[in-house]
Amino acid sequence: MFVLLPLLTFAGLFLLFLRGEKERDWREAYLRAALFCGAGAVLSVEVLGILKGLSPLSIRFFWSLALFLTLFFLLRKFSVPLVPKDVPGSWAWYEWAGFFFIVIMLLLTLLTAVMAPPNNWDS
């Protein structure tokens, strides 16, 4: 579950840079988000290594803090909701059925990945 923290931080930074003070091209926002995530990861690992505090818990704490700060600035900067309110009501029954099918397939795949033992020769 913690593997999603860097991805969510990157997505939040991407939205923050995309919808910044001036409208930016999505490529520039992507590069800025990648630069901030990469620099933050390197700096955090270097500082934690110097302080002899490099552990999975400290890395999780860093990414949780980065995600919290990103969401804080994202929600503080934009009073307009990121998700339109009329999207679920505008879907037809077959769109809901397709969405439900995809969610079920993803959950079954997740369940299989979590419950099944490794089945390769070097595990």
Protein backbone atom coordinates (compact mmCIF):
# COMPACT_ATOMS: atom_id res chain seq x y z
CA MET A 1 0.00 0.00 0.00
CA PHE A 2 2.86 2.37 0.75
CA VAL A 3 4.17 1.94 -2.78
CA LEU A 4 1.34 4.24 -3.88
CA LEU A 5 2.65 7.19 -1.84
CA PRO A 6 5.29 8.31 -4.39
CA LEU A 7 2.82 7.85 -7.26
CA LEU A 8 0.13 9.88 -5.52
CA THR A 9 2.66 12.56 -4.61
CA PHE A 10 3.76 12.74 -8.24
CA ALA A 11 0.16 12.98 -9.43
CA GLY A 12 -0.58 15.74 -6.93
CA LEU A 13 2.52 17.69 -7.96
CA PHE A 14 1.57 17.24 -11.60
CA LEU A 15 -1.88 18.73 -10.95
CA LEU A 16 -0.38 21.49 -8.85
CA PHE A 17 2.05 22.51 -11.58
CA LEU A 18 -0.49 22.01 -14.35
CA ARG A 19 -3.05 24.30 -12.75
CA GLY A 20 -0.56 26.82 -11.38
CA GLU A 21 -0.49 30.59 -11.64
CA LYS A 22 -0.21 30.45 -15.41
CA GLU A 23 -1.55 27.69 -17.60
CA ARG A 24 1.34 25.41 -18.42
CA ASP A 25 1.75 22.77 -21.02
CA TRP A 26 1.22 19.28 -19.59
CA ARG A 27 4.75 18.27 -20.60
CA GLU A 28 6.30 21.09 -18.59
CA ALA A 29 4.14 20.22 -15.58
CA TYR A 30 5.16 16.55 -15.92
CA LEU A 31 8.86 17.44 -16.02
CA ARG A 32 8.55 19.77 -13.03
CA ALA A 33 6.73 17.09 -11.01
CA ALA A 34 9.36 14.50 -11.97
CA LEU A 35 12.14 16.91 -11.00
CA PHE A 36 10.59 17.66 -7.61
CA CYS A 37 9.88 13.98 -6.84
CA GLY A 38 13.35 12.86 -7.89
CA ALA A 39 15.14 15.64 -6.04
CA GLY A 40 13.03 15.05 -2.93
CA ALA A 41 13.77 11.32 -3.00
CA VAL A 42 17.51 11.83 -3.40
CA LEU A 43 17.71 14.53 -0.73
CA SER A 44 15.64 12.56 1.75
CA VAL A 45 17.73 9.41 1.32
CA GLU A 46 20.98 11.37 1.62
CA VAL A 47 19.87 13.23 4.76
CA LEU A 48 18.49 10.09 6.36
CA GLY A 49 21.70 8.24 5.50
CA ILE A 50 23.84 10.92 7.11
CA LEU A 51 21.69 10.82 10.24
CA LYS A 52 21.79 6.98 10.31
CA GLY A 53 18.01 6.97 10.12
CA LEU A 54 17.48 5.21 6.82
CA SER A 55 14.73 2.66 7.39
CA PRO A 56 11.47 1.67 5.71
CA LEU A 57 9.54 3.57 8.37
CA SER A 58 11.44 6.81 7.77
CA ILE A 59 10.98 6.52 3.99
CA ARG A 60 7.24 5.95 4.48
CA PHE A 61 7.14 8.97 6.75
CA PHE A 62 8.89 11.12 4.13
CA TRP A 63 6.53 10.14 1.34
CA SER A 64 3.50 10.55 3.61
CA LEU A 65 4.69 14.04 4.55
CA ALA A 66 5.35 14.90 0.89
CA LEU A 67 1.86 13.71 -0.08
CA PHE A 68 0.26 15.63 2.77
CA LEU A 69 2.06 18.85 1.82
CA THR A 70 1.23 18.40 -1.85
CA LEU A 71 -2.47 17.87 -1.10
CA PHE A 72 -2.46 20.78 1.34
CA PHE A 73 -1.09 23.20 -1.26
CA LEU A 74 -3.28 21.73 -3.98
CA LEU A 75 -6.49 22.12 -1.98
CA ARG A 76 -5.45 25.50 -0.61
CA LYS A 77 -4.68 26.91 -4.03
CA PHE A 78 -7.84 25.79 -5.80
CA SER A 79 -11.29 26.34 -4.45
CA VAL A 80 -12.74 24.67 -7.56
CA PRO A 81 -13.18 20.92 -6.98
CA LEU A 82 -10.88 18.72 -9.01
CA VAL A 83 -13.66 16.25 -9.78
CA PRO A 84 -16.85 17.58 -11.37
CA LYS A 85 -19.98 16.85 -9.38
CA ASP A 86 -22.12 15.80 -12.33
CA VAL A 87 -19.97 12.91 -13.60
CA PRO A 88 -21.61 9.94 -11.81
CA GLY A 89 -25.14 11.09 -12.64
CA SER A 90 -24.34 11.47 -16.32
CA TRP A 91 -23.27 7.87 -16.83
CA ALA A 92 -25.62 5.45 -18.56
CA TRP A 93 -26.31 1.99 -17.15
CA TYR A 94 -23.82 0.29 -19.49
CA GLU A 95 -21.07 2.69 -18.44
CA TRP A 96 -21.74 1.84 -14.79
CA ALA A 97 -21.74 -1.86 -15.69
CA GLY A 98 -18.37 -1.50 -17.46
CA PHE A 99 -16.92 0.44 -14.54
CA PHE A 100 -18.20 -2.18 -12.07
CA PHE A 101 -16.72 -4.99 -14.19
CA ILE A 102 -13.31 -3.29 -14.31
CA VAL A 103 -13.32 -2.71 -10.54
CA ILE A 104 -14.25 -6.36 -9.89
CA MET A 105 -11.46 -7.58 -12.21
CA LEU A 106 -8.91 -5.33 -10.50
CA LEU A 107 -9.99 -6.52 -7.06
CA LEU A 108 -9.79 -10.16 -8.13
CA THR A 109 -6.31 -9.57 -9.54
CA LEU A 110 -5.26 -7.88 -6.30
CA LEU A 111 -6.68 -10.74 -4.24
CA THR A 112 -4.85 -13.31 -6.38
CA ALA A 113 -1.56 -11.41 -6.08
CA VAL A 114 -1.86 -11.12 -2.31
CA MET A 115 -3.08 -14.64 -1.55
CA ALA A 116 -1.11 -16.76 -4.06
CA PRO A 117 2.34 -18.01 -3.06
CA PRO A 118 5.25 -17.17 -5.34
CA ASN A 119 5.53 -19.72 -8.11
CA ASN A 120 8.95 -19.16 -9.62
CA TRP A 121 12.07 -21.14 -8.90
CA ASP A 122 14.12 -18.43 -7.15
CA SER A 123 11.63 -17.20 -4.56
